[in-house]
Full PDB file with SEQRES, HELIX, SHEET, SSBOND, CRYST1, ORIGX, SCALE, CONECT and MASTER records, all heavy atoms in Angstrom:
SEQRES   1 A   32  ASP ALA ARG GLU HIS PHE GLU ARG GLU TYR LEU GLN ALA          
SEQRES   2 A   32  GLN ILE GLU ARG PHE GLY GLY ASN ILE SER ARG THR ALA          
SEQRES   3 A   32  SER PHE VAL GLY MET GLU                                      
HELIX    1 AA1 ALA A    2  ARG A   17  1                                  16    
HELIX    2 AA2 ILE A   22  VAL A   29  1                                   8    
CRYST1    1.000    1.000    1.000  90.00  90.00  90.00 P 1           1          
ORIGX1      1.000000  0.000000  0.000000        0.00000                         
ORIGX2      0.000000  1.000000  0.000000        0.00000                         
ORIGX3      0.000000  0.000000  1.000000        0.00000                         
SCALE1      1.000000  0.000000  0.000000        0.00000                         
SCALE2      0.000000  1.000000  0.000000        0.00000                         
SCALE3      0.000000  0.000000  1.000000        0.00000                         
ATOM      1  N   ASP A   1       0.850  -1.219   0.018  1.00  0.00           N  
ATOM      2  CA  ASP A   1      -0.003   0.013  -0.032  1.00  0.00           C  
ATOM      3  C   ASP A   1       0.823   1.249   0.039  1.00  0.00           C  
ATOM      4  O   ASP A   1       0.522   2.260  -0.660  1.00  0.00           O  
ATOM      5  CB  ASP A   1      -0.944   0.005   1.210  1.00  0.00           C  
ATOM      6  CG  ASP A   1      -2.001  -1.046   1.131  1.00  0.00           C  
ATOM      7  OD1 ASP A   1      -2.179  -1.655   0.055  1.00  0.00           O  
ATOM      8  OD2 ASP A   1      -2.645  -1.352   2.172  1.00  0.00           O  
ATOM      9  N   ALA A   2       1.968   1.226   0.754  1.00  0.00           N  
ATOM     10  CA  ALA A   2       2.880   2.349   0.799  1.00  0.00           C  
ATOM     11  C   ALA A   2       3.501   2.640  -0.593  1.00  0.00           C  
ATOM     12  O   ALA A   2       3.626   3.806  -0.980  1.00  0.00           O  
ATOM     13  CB  ALA A   2       3.962   2.144   1.845  1.00  0.00           C  
ATOM     14  N   ARG A   3       3.855   1.501  -1.254  1.00  0.00           N  
ATOM     15  CA  ARG A   3       4.432   1.658  -2.587  1.00  0.00           C  
ATOM     16  C   ARG A   3       3.420   2.303  -3.543  1.00  0.00           C  
ATOM     17  O   ARG A   3       3.754   3.229  -4.305  1.00  0.00           O  
ATOM     18  CB  ARG A   3       4.908   0.330  -3.103  1.00  0.00           C  
ATOM     19  CG  ARG A   3       5.630   0.415  -4.501  1.00  0.00           C  
ATOM     20  CD  ARG A   3       5.916  -0.923  -5.062  1.00  0.00           C  
ATOM     21  NE  ARG A   3       6.902  -1.643  -4.230  1.00  0.00           N  
ATOM     22  CZ  ARG A   3       6.594  -2.814  -3.610  1.00  0.00           C  
ATOM     23  NH1 ARG A   3       5.353  -3.365  -3.718  1.00  0.00           N  
ATOM     24  NH2 ARG A   3       7.501  -3.396  -2.900  1.00  0.00           N  
ATOM     25  N   GLU A   4       2.194   1.823  -3.510  1.00  0.00           N  
ATOM     26  CA  GLU A   4       1.134   2.366  -4.348  1.00  0.00           C  
ATOM     27  C   GLU A   4       0.853   3.824  -4.016  1.00  0.00           C  
ATOM     28  O   GLU A   4       0.643   4.657  -4.909  1.00  0.00           O  
ATOM     29  CB  GLU A   4      -0.181   1.581  -4.207  1.00  0.00           C  
ATOM     30  CG  GLU A   4      -0.190   0.205  -4.925  1.00  0.00           C  
ATOM     31  CD  GLU A   4      -1.579  -0.400  -4.921  1.00  0.00           C  
ATOM     32  OE1 GLU A   4      -2.467   0.206  -4.447  1.00  0.00           O  
ATOM     33  OE2 GLU A   4      -1.707  -1.552  -5.477  1.00  0.00           O  
ATOM     34  N   HIS A   5       0.867   4.110  -2.717  1.00  0.00           N  
ATOM     35  CA  HIS A   5       0.694   5.533  -2.284  1.00  0.00           C  
ATOM     36  C   HIS A   5       1.720   6.385  -2.842  1.00  0.00           C  
ATOM     37  O   HIS A   5       1.491   7.473  -3.365  1.00  0.00           O  
ATOM     38  CB  HIS A   5       0.668   5.601  -0.747  1.00  0.00           C  
ATOM     39  CG  HIS A   5       0.568   6.969  -0.200  1.00  0.00           C  
ATOM     40  ND1 HIS A   5      -0.624   7.636  -0.100  1.00  0.00           N  
ATOM     41  CD2 HIS A   5       1.528   7.861   0.215  1.00  0.00           C  
ATOM     42  CE1 HIS A   5      -0.396   8.865   0.371  1.00  0.00           C  
ATOM     43  NE2 HIS A   5       0.935   9.022   0.623  1.00  0.00           N  
ATOM     44  N   PHE A   6       3.039   5.919  -2.747  1.00  0.00           N  
ATOM     45  CA  PHE A   6       4.124   6.731  -3.254  1.00  0.00           C  
ATOM     46  C   PHE A   6       4.004   6.945  -4.745  1.00  0.00           C  
ATOM     47  O   PHE A   6       4.174   7.992  -5.300  1.00  0.00           O  
ATOM     48  CB  PHE A   6       5.471   6.058  -2.924  1.00  0.00           C  
ATOM     49  CG  PHE A   6       6.626   6.660  -3.669  1.00  0.00           C  
ATOM     50  CD1 PHE A   6       7.175   7.866  -3.241  1.00  0.00           C  
ATOM     51  CD2 PHE A   6       7.169   6.050  -4.799  1.00  0.00           C  
ATOM     52  CE1 PHE A   6       8.225   8.442  -3.926  1.00  0.00           C  
ATOM     53  CE2 PHE A   6       8.247   6.644  -5.503  1.00  0.00           C  
ATOM     54  CZ  PHE A   6       8.735   7.842  -5.076  1.00  0.00           C  
ATOM     55  N   GLU A   7       3.732   5.820  -5.515  1.00  0.00           N  
ATOM     56  CA  GLU A   7       3.601   5.891  -6.943  1.00  0.00           C  
ATOM     57  C   GLU A   7       2.505   6.884  -7.377  1.00  0.00           C  
ATOM     58  O   GLU A   7       2.627   7.628  -8.330  1.00  0.00           O  
ATOM     59  CB  GLU A   7       3.395   4.508  -7.549  1.00  0.00           C  
ATOM     60  CG  GLU A   7       4.586   3.564  -7.487  1.00  0.00           C  
ATOM     61  CD  GLU A   7       4.279   2.230  -8.130  1.00  0.00           C  
ATOM     62  OE1 GLU A   7       3.075   1.867  -8.264  1.00  0.00           O  
ATOM     63  OE2 GLU A   7       5.222   1.517  -8.462  1.00  0.00           O  
ATOM     64  N   ARG A   8       1.406   6.781  -6.690  1.00  0.00           N  
ATOM     65  CA  ARG A   8       0.294   7.711  -6.973  1.00  0.00           C  
ATOM     66  C   ARG A   8       0.650   9.144  -6.760  1.00  0.00           C  
ATOM     67  O   ARG A   8       0.389   9.975  -7.635  1.00  0.00           O  
ATOM     68  CB  ARG A   8      -0.959   7.301  -6.108  1.00  0.00           C  
ATOM     69  CG  ARG A   8      -2.216   8.111  -6.465  1.00  0.00           C  
ATOM     70  CD  ARG A   8      -3.384   7.714  -5.558  1.00  0.00           C  
ATOM     71  NE  ARG A   8      -3.726   6.259  -5.706  1.00  0.00           N  
ATOM     72  CZ  ARG A   8      -3.493   5.340  -4.781  1.00  0.00           C  
ATOM     73  NH1 ARG A   8      -2.900   5.701  -3.646  1.00  0.00           N  
ATOM     74  NH2 ARG A   8      -3.824   4.088  -4.983  1.00  0.00           N  
ATOM     75  N   GLU A   9       1.265   9.430  -5.643  1.00  0.00           N  
ATOM     76  CA  GLU A   9       1.632  10.841  -5.340  1.00  0.00           C  
ATOM     77  C   GLU A   9       2.739  11.288  -6.281  1.00  0.00           C  
ATOM     78  O   GLU A   9       2.729  12.424  -6.780  1.00  0.00           O  
ATOM     79  CB  GLU A   9       2.140  10.933  -3.906  1.00  0.00           C  
ATOM     80  CG  GLU A   9       1.039  10.678  -2.821  1.00  0.00           C  
ATOM     81  CD  GLU A   9       0.007  11.735  -2.838  1.00  0.00           C  
ATOM     82  OE1 GLU A   9       0.327  12.895  -3.000  1.00  0.00           O  
ATOM     83  OE2 GLU A   9      -1.175  11.365  -2.686  1.00  0.00           O  
ATOM     84  N   TYR A  10       3.691  10.394  -6.578  1.00  0.00           N  
ATOM     85  CA  TYR A  10       4.775  10.809  -7.439  1.00  0.00           C  
ATOM     86  C   TYR A  10       4.317  11.045  -8.831  1.00  0.00           C  
ATOM     87  O   TYR A  10       4.688  12.091  -9.472  1.00  0.00           O  
ATOM     88  CB  TYR A  10       5.834   9.597  -7.475  1.00  0.00           C  
ATOM     89  CG  TYR A  10       6.932   9.767  -8.465  1.00  0.00           C  
ATOM     90  CD1 TYR A  10       8.002  10.639  -8.257  1.00  0.00           C  
ATOM     91  CD2 TYR A  10       6.879   9.042  -9.690  1.00  0.00           C  
ATOM     92  CE1 TYR A  10       8.968  10.780  -9.192  1.00  0.00           C  
ATOM     93  CE2 TYR A  10       7.849   9.201 -10.647  1.00  0.00           C  
ATOM     94  CZ  TYR A  10       8.926  10.031 -10.400  1.00  0.00           C  
ATOM     95  OH  TYR A  10       9.892  10.210 -11.351  1.00  0.00           O  
ATOM     96  N   LEU A  11       3.510  10.152  -9.406  1.00  0.00           N  
ATOM     97  CA  LEU A  11       3.032  10.332 -10.805  1.00  0.00           C  
ATOM     98  C   LEU A  11       2.115  11.535 -10.913  1.00  0.00           C  
ATOM     99  O   LEU A  11       2.079  12.242 -11.916  1.00  0.00           O  
ATOM    100  CB  LEU A  11       2.366   9.069 -11.332  1.00  0.00           C  
ATOM    101  CG  LEU A  11       3.333   7.853 -11.512  1.00  0.00           C  
ATOM    102  CD1 LEU A  11       2.572   6.619 -11.886  1.00  0.00           C  
ATOM    103  CD2 LEU A  11       4.383   8.175 -12.558  1.00  0.00           C  
ATOM    104  N   GLN A  12       1.277  11.677  -9.873  1.00  0.00           N  
ATOM    105  CA  GLN A  12       0.370  12.887  -9.916  1.00  0.00           C  
ATOM    106  C   GLN A  12       1.165  14.173  -9.913  1.00  0.00           C  
ATOM    107  O   GLN A  12       0.898  15.127 -10.654  1.00  0.00           O  
ATOM    108  CB  GLN A  12      -0.547  12.865  -8.693  1.00  0.00           C  
ATOM    109  CG  GLN A  12      -1.650  13.963  -8.668  1.00  0.00           C  
ATOM    110  CD  GLN A  12      -2.648  13.817  -9.798  1.00  0.00           C  
ATOM    111  OE1 GLN A  12      -3.344  12.808  -9.819  1.00  0.00           O  
ATOM    112  NE2 GLN A  12      -2.653  14.793 -10.700  1.00  0.00           N  
ATOM    113  N   ALA A  13       2.258  14.190  -9.103  1.00  0.00           N  
ATOM    114  CA  ALA A  13       3.109  15.389  -9.061  1.00  0.00           C  
ATOM    115  C   ALA A  13       3.788  15.601 -10.400  1.00  0.00           C  
ATOM    116  O   ALA A  13       3.944  16.759 -10.863  1.00  0.00           O  
ATOM    117  CB  ALA A  13       4.150  15.256  -7.978  1.00  0.00           C  
ATOM    118  N   GLN A  14       4.253  14.550 -11.044  1.00  0.00           N  
ATOM    119  CA  GLN A  14       4.942  14.686 -12.325  1.00  0.00           C  
ATOM    120  C   GLN A  14       3.982  15.149 -13.411  1.00  0.00           C  
ATOM    121  O   GLN A  14       4.286  15.986 -14.247  1.00  0.00           O  
ATOM    122  CB  GLN A  14       5.565  13.370 -12.758  1.00  0.00           C  
ATOM    123  CG  GLN A  14       6.711  12.875 -11.878  1.00  0.00           C  
ATOM    124  CD  GLN A  14       7.876  13.856 -11.790  1.00  0.00           C  
ATOM    125  OE1 GLN A  14       7.980  14.723 -12.622  1.00  0.00           O  
ATOM    126  NE2 GLN A  14       8.778  13.693 -10.846  1.00  0.00           N  
ATOM    127  N   ILE A  15       2.731  14.623 -13.398  1.00  0.00           N  
ATOM    128  CA  ILE A  15       1.747  15.054 -14.381  1.00  0.00           C  
ATOM    129  C   ILE A  15       1.467  16.612 -14.188  1.00  0.00           C  
ATOM    130  O   ILE A  15       1.338  17.331 -15.153  1.00  0.00           O  
ATOM    131  CB  ILE A  15       0.447  14.221 -14.256  1.00  0.00           C  
ATOM    132  CG1 ILE A  15       0.690  12.774 -14.716  1.00  0.00           C  
ATOM    133  CG2 ILE A  15      -0.705  14.846 -14.964  1.00  0.00           C  
ATOM    134  CD1 ILE A  15      -0.389  11.807 -14.356  1.00  0.00           C  
ATOM    135  N   GLU A  16       1.312  17.002 -12.917  1.00  0.00           N  
ATOM    136  CA  GLU A  16       1.020  18.412 -12.713  1.00  0.00           C  
ATOM    137  C   GLU A  16       2.256  19.249 -13.095  1.00  0.00           C  
ATOM    138  O   GLU A  16       2.110  20.355 -13.616  1.00  0.00           O  
ATOM    139  CB  GLU A  16       0.746  18.661 -11.209  1.00  0.00           C  
ATOM    140  CG  GLU A  16      -0.576  18.022 -10.793  1.00  0.00           C  
ATOM    141  CD  GLU A  16      -0.812  18.233  -9.251  1.00  0.00           C  
ATOM    142  OE1 GLU A  16       0.113  18.745  -8.608  1.00  0.00           O  
ATOM    143  OE2 GLU A  16      -1.890  17.826  -8.773  1.00  0.00           O  
ATOM    144  N   ARG A  17       3.443  18.691 -12.856  1.00  0.00           N  
ATOM    145  CA  ARG A  17       4.647  19.410 -13.243  1.00  0.00           C  
ATOM    146  C   ARG A  17       4.730  19.686 -14.728  1.00  0.00           C  
ATOM    147  O   ARG A  17       5.166  20.739 -15.175  1.00  0.00           O  
ATOM    148  CB  ARG A  17       5.874  18.536 -12.838  1.00  0.00           C  
ATOM    149  CG  ARG A  17       7.211  19.080 -13.244  1.00  0.00           C  
ATOM    150  CD  ARG A  17       8.337  18.105 -12.962  1.00  0.00           C  
ATOM    151  NE  ARG A  17       9.597  18.580 -13.475  1.00  0.00           N  
ATOM    152  CZ  ARG A  17      10.674  17.841 -13.508  1.00  0.00           C  
ATOM    153  NH1 ARG A  17      10.679  16.546 -13.126  1.00  0.00           N  
ATOM    154  NH2 ARG A  17      11.813  18.366 -13.995  1.00  0.00           N  
ATOM    155  N   PHE A  18       4.276  18.732 -15.532  1.00  0.00           N  
ATOM    156  CA  PHE A  18       4.353  18.862 -16.975  1.00  0.00           C  
ATOM    157  C   PHE A  18       3.006  19.330 -17.559  1.00  0.00           C  
ATOM    158  O   PHE A  18       2.740  19.098 -18.772  1.00  0.00           O  
ATOM    159  CB  PHE A  18       4.811  17.596 -17.652  1.00  0.00           C  
ATOM    160  CG  PHE A  18       6.254  17.240 -17.359  1.00  0.00           C  
ATOM    161  CD1 PHE A  18       6.576  16.189 -16.499  1.00  0.00           C  
ATOM    162  CD2 PHE A  18       7.288  18.025 -17.896  1.00  0.00           C  
ATOM    163  CE1 PHE A  18       7.932  15.918 -16.190  1.00  0.00           C  
ATOM    164  CE2 PHE A  18       8.610  17.725 -17.582  1.00  0.00           C  
ATOM    165  CZ  PHE A  18       8.921  16.637 -16.791  1.00  0.00           C  
ATOM    166  N   GLY A  19       2.164  19.942 -16.740  1.00  0.00           N  
ATOM    167  CA  GLY A  19       0.882  20.479 -17.249  1.00  0.00           C  
ATOM    168  C   GLY A  19      -0.082  19.515 -17.876  1.00  0.00           C  
ATOM    169  O   GLY A  19      -0.862  19.797 -18.767  1.00  0.00           O  
ATOM    170  N   GLY A  20      -0.020  18.228 -17.392  1.00  0.00           N  
ATOM    171  CA  GLY A  20      -0.929  17.190 -17.948  1.00  0.00           C  
ATOM    172  C   GLY A  20      -0.452  16.579 -19.208  1.00  0.00           C  
ATOM    173  O   GLY A  20      -1.162  15.767 -19.837  1.00  0.00           O  
ATOM    174  N   ASN A  21       0.757  16.909 -19.648  1.00  0.00           N  
ATOM    175  CA  ASN A  21       1.296  16.334 -20.870  1.00  0.00           C  
ATOM    176  C   ASN A  21       1.859  14.959 -20.599  1.00  0.00           C  
ATOM    177  O   ASN A  21       2.889  14.773 -19.963  1.00  0.00           O  
ATOM    178  CB  ASN A  21       2.392  17.229 -21.446  1.00  0.00           C  
ATOM    179  CG  ASN A  21       2.814  16.832 -22.819  1.00  0.00           C  
ATOM    180  OD1 ASN A  21       3.197  15.701 -23.053  1.00  0.00           O  
ATOM    181  ND2 ASN A  21       2.789  17.804 -23.748  1.00  0.00           N  
ATOM    182  N   ILE A  22       1.156  13.862 -21.085  1.00  0.00           N  
ATOM    183  CA  ILE A  22       1.498  12.533 -20.769  1.00  0.00           C  
ATOM    184  C   ILE A  22       2.836  12.106 -21.461  1.00  0.00           C  
ATOM    185  O   ILE A  22       3.661  11.419 -20.855  1.00  0.00           O  
ATOM    186  CB  ILE A  22       0.372  11.575 -21.178  1.00  0.00           C  
ATOM    187  CG1 ILE A  22      -0.858  11.846 -20.341  1.00  0.00           C  
ATOM    188  CG2 ILE A  22       0.780  10.103 -20.989  1.00  0.00           C  
ATOM    189  CD1 ILE A  22      -0.693  11.687 -18.866  1.00  0.00           C  
ATOM    190  N   SER A  23       3.027  12.602 -22.690  1.00  0.00           N  
ATOM    191  CA  SER A  23       4.249  12.237 -23.434  1.00  0.00           C  
ATOM    192  C   SER A  23       5.471  12.709 -22.662  1.00  0.00           C  
ATOM    193  O   SER A  23       6.470  11.977 -22.524  1.00  0.00           O  
ATOM    194  CB  SER A  23       4.239  12.809 -24.829  1.00  0.00           C  
ATOM    195  OG  SER A  23       3.167  12.247 -25.550  1.00  0.00           O  
ATOM    196  N   ARG A  24       5.480  13.987 -22.178  1.00  0.00           N  
ATOM    197  CA  ARG A  24       6.612  14.500 -21.497  1.00  0.00           C  
ATOM    198  C   ARG A  24       6.777  13.851 -20.120  1.00  0.00           C  
ATOM    199  O   ARG A  24       7.909  13.626 -19.689  1.00  0.00           O  
ATOM    200  CB  ARG A  24       6.472  16.013 -21.325  1.00  0.00           C  
ATOM    201  CG  ARG A  24       6.528  16.833 -22.646  1.00  0.00           C  
ATOM    202  CD  ARG A  24       6.282  18.302 -22.405  1.00  0.00           C  
ATOM    203  NE  ARG A  24       7.304  18.882 -21.573  1.00  0.00           N  
ATOM    204  CZ  ARG A  24       7.218  20.112 -21.008  1.00  0.00           C  
ATOM    205  NH1 ARG A  24       6.087  20.798 -21.216  1.00  0.00           N  
ATOM    206  NH2 ARG A  24       8.171  20.567 -20.234  1.00  0.00           N  
ATOM    207  N   THR A  25       5.670  13.530 -19.482  1.00  0.00           N  
ATOM    208  CA  THR A  25       5.744  12.852 -18.180  1.00  0.00           C  
ATOM    209  C   THR A  25       6.405  11.456 -18.363  1.00  0.00           C  
ATOM    210  O   THR A  25       7.254  11.058 -17.620  1.00  0.00           O  
ATOM    211  CB  THR A  25       4.345  12.710 -17.583  1.00  0.00           C  
ATOM    212  OG1 THR A  25       3.753  13.977 -17.418  1.00  0.00           O  
ATOM    213  CG2 THR A  25       4.446  12.042 -16.166  1.00  0.00           C  
ATOM    214  N   ALA A  26       5.943  10.729 -19.410  1.00  0.00           N  
ATOM    215  CA  ALA A  26       6.428   9.367 -19.643  1.00  0.00           C  
ATOM    216  C   ALA A  26       7.924   9.403 -19.935  1.00  0.00           C  
ATOM    217  O   ALA A  26       8.732   8.623 -19.481  1.00  0.00           O  
ATOM    218  CB  ALA A  26       5.687   8.727 -20.778  1.00  0.00           C  
ATOM    219  N   SER A  27       8.368  10.408 -20.716  1.00  0.00           N  
ATOM    220  CA  SER A  27       9.765  10.575 -21.067  1.00  0.00           C  
ATOM    221  C   SER A  27      10.583  10.769 -19.814  1.00  0.00           C  
ATOM    222  O   SER A  27      11.679  10.221 -19.635  1.00  0.00           O  
ATOM    223  CB  SER A  27       9.946  11.696 -22.082  1.00  0.00           C  
ATOM    224  OG  SER A  27      11.312  11.906 -22.342  1.00  0.00           O  
ATOM    225  N   PHE A  28      10.130  11.635 -18.897  1.00  0.00           N  
ATOM    226  CA  PHE A  28      10.882  12.036 -17.716  1.00  0.00           C  
ATOM    227  C   PHE A  28      11.007  10.795 -16.749  1.00  0.00           C  
ATOM    228  O   PHE A  28      12.026  10.496 -16.212  1.00  0.00           O  
ATOM    229  CB  PHE A  28      10.279  13.216 -17.051  1.00  0.00           C  
ATOM    230  CG  PHE A  28      11.016  13.555 -15.753  1.00  0.00           C  
ATOM    231  CD1 PHE A  28      12.212  14.308 -15.825  1.00  0.00           C  
ATOM    232  CD2 PHE A  28      10.565  13.142 -14.517  1.00  0.00           C  
ATOM    233  CE1 PHE A  28      12.881  14.617 -14.677  1.00  0.00           C  
ATOM    234  CE2 PHE A  28      11.251  13.452 -13.405  1.00  0.00           C  
ATOM    235  CZ  PHE A  28      12.417  14.205 -13.452  1.00  0.00           C  
ATOM    236  N   VAL A  29       9.863  10.096 -16.531  1.00  0.00           N  
ATOM    237  CA  VAL A  29       9.846   8.996 -15.542  1.00  0.00           C  
ATOM    238  C   VAL A  29      10.432   7.743 -16.119  1.00  0.00           C  
ATOM    239  O   VAL A  29      10.649   6.756 -15.392  1.00  0.00           O  
ATOM    240  CB  VAL A  29       8.458   8.774 -15.015  1.00  0.00           C  
ATOM    241  CG1 VAL A  29       7.884   9.972 -14.350  1.00  0.00           C  
ATOM    242  CG2 VAL A  29       7.511   8.229 -16.077  1.00  0.00           C  
ATOM    243  N   GLY A  30      10.717   7.656 -17.445  1.00  0.00           N  
ATOM    244  CA  GLY A  30      11.374   6.528 -18.039  1.00  0.00           C  
ATOM    245  C   GLY A  30      10.411   5.391 -18.353  1.00  0.00           C  
ATOM    246  O   GLY A  30      10.779   4.196 -18.223  1.00  0.00           O  
ATOM    247  N   MET A  31       9.164   5.739 -18.745  1.00  0.00           N  
ATOM    248  CA  MET A  31       8.206   4.671 -19.105  1.00  0.00           C  
ATOM    249  C   MET A  31       7.648   4.900 -20.552  1.00  0.00           C  
ATOM    250  O   MET A  31       7.704   6.052 -21.008  1.00  0.00           O  
ATOM    251  CB  MET A  31       7.022   4.699 -18.160  1.00  0.00           C  
ATOM    252  CG  MET A  31       7.386   4.398 -16.724  1.00  0.00           C  
ATOM    253  SD  MET A  31       5.919   4.499 -15.610  1.00  0.00           S  
ATOM    254  CE  MET A  31       4.911   3.087 -16.218  1.00  0.00           C  
ATOM    255  N   GLU A  32       7.198   3.841 -21.178  1.00  0.00           N  
ATOM    256  CA  GLU A  32       6.482   4.024 -22.446  1.00  0.00           C  
ATOM    257  C   GLU A  32       5.192   4.706 -22.115  1.00  0.00           C  
ATOM    258  O   GLU A  32       4.541   4.516 -21.078  1.00  0.00           O  
ATOM    259  CB  GLU A  32       6.268   2.663 -23.073  1.00  0.00           C  
ATOM    260  CG  GLU A  32       7.475   1.923 -23.564  1.00  0.00           C  
ATOM    261  CD  GLU A  32       8.117   2.624 -24.751  1.00  0.00           C  
ATOM    262  OE1 GLU A  32       7.394   3.342 -25.486  1.00  0.00           O  
ATOM    263  OE2 GLU A  32       9.342   2.503 -24.913  1.00  0.00           O  
TER     264      GLU A  32                                                      
MASTER        0    0    0    2    0    0    0    6  263    1    0    3          
END                                                                             
């Protein structure tokens, strides 16, 4: 649960950081 909590908070913060742009978020976090 802690891992999921961290991933949720982390990815939400990255999405907000890049203004909702999924392509830029994926590139930064290293995922397809």
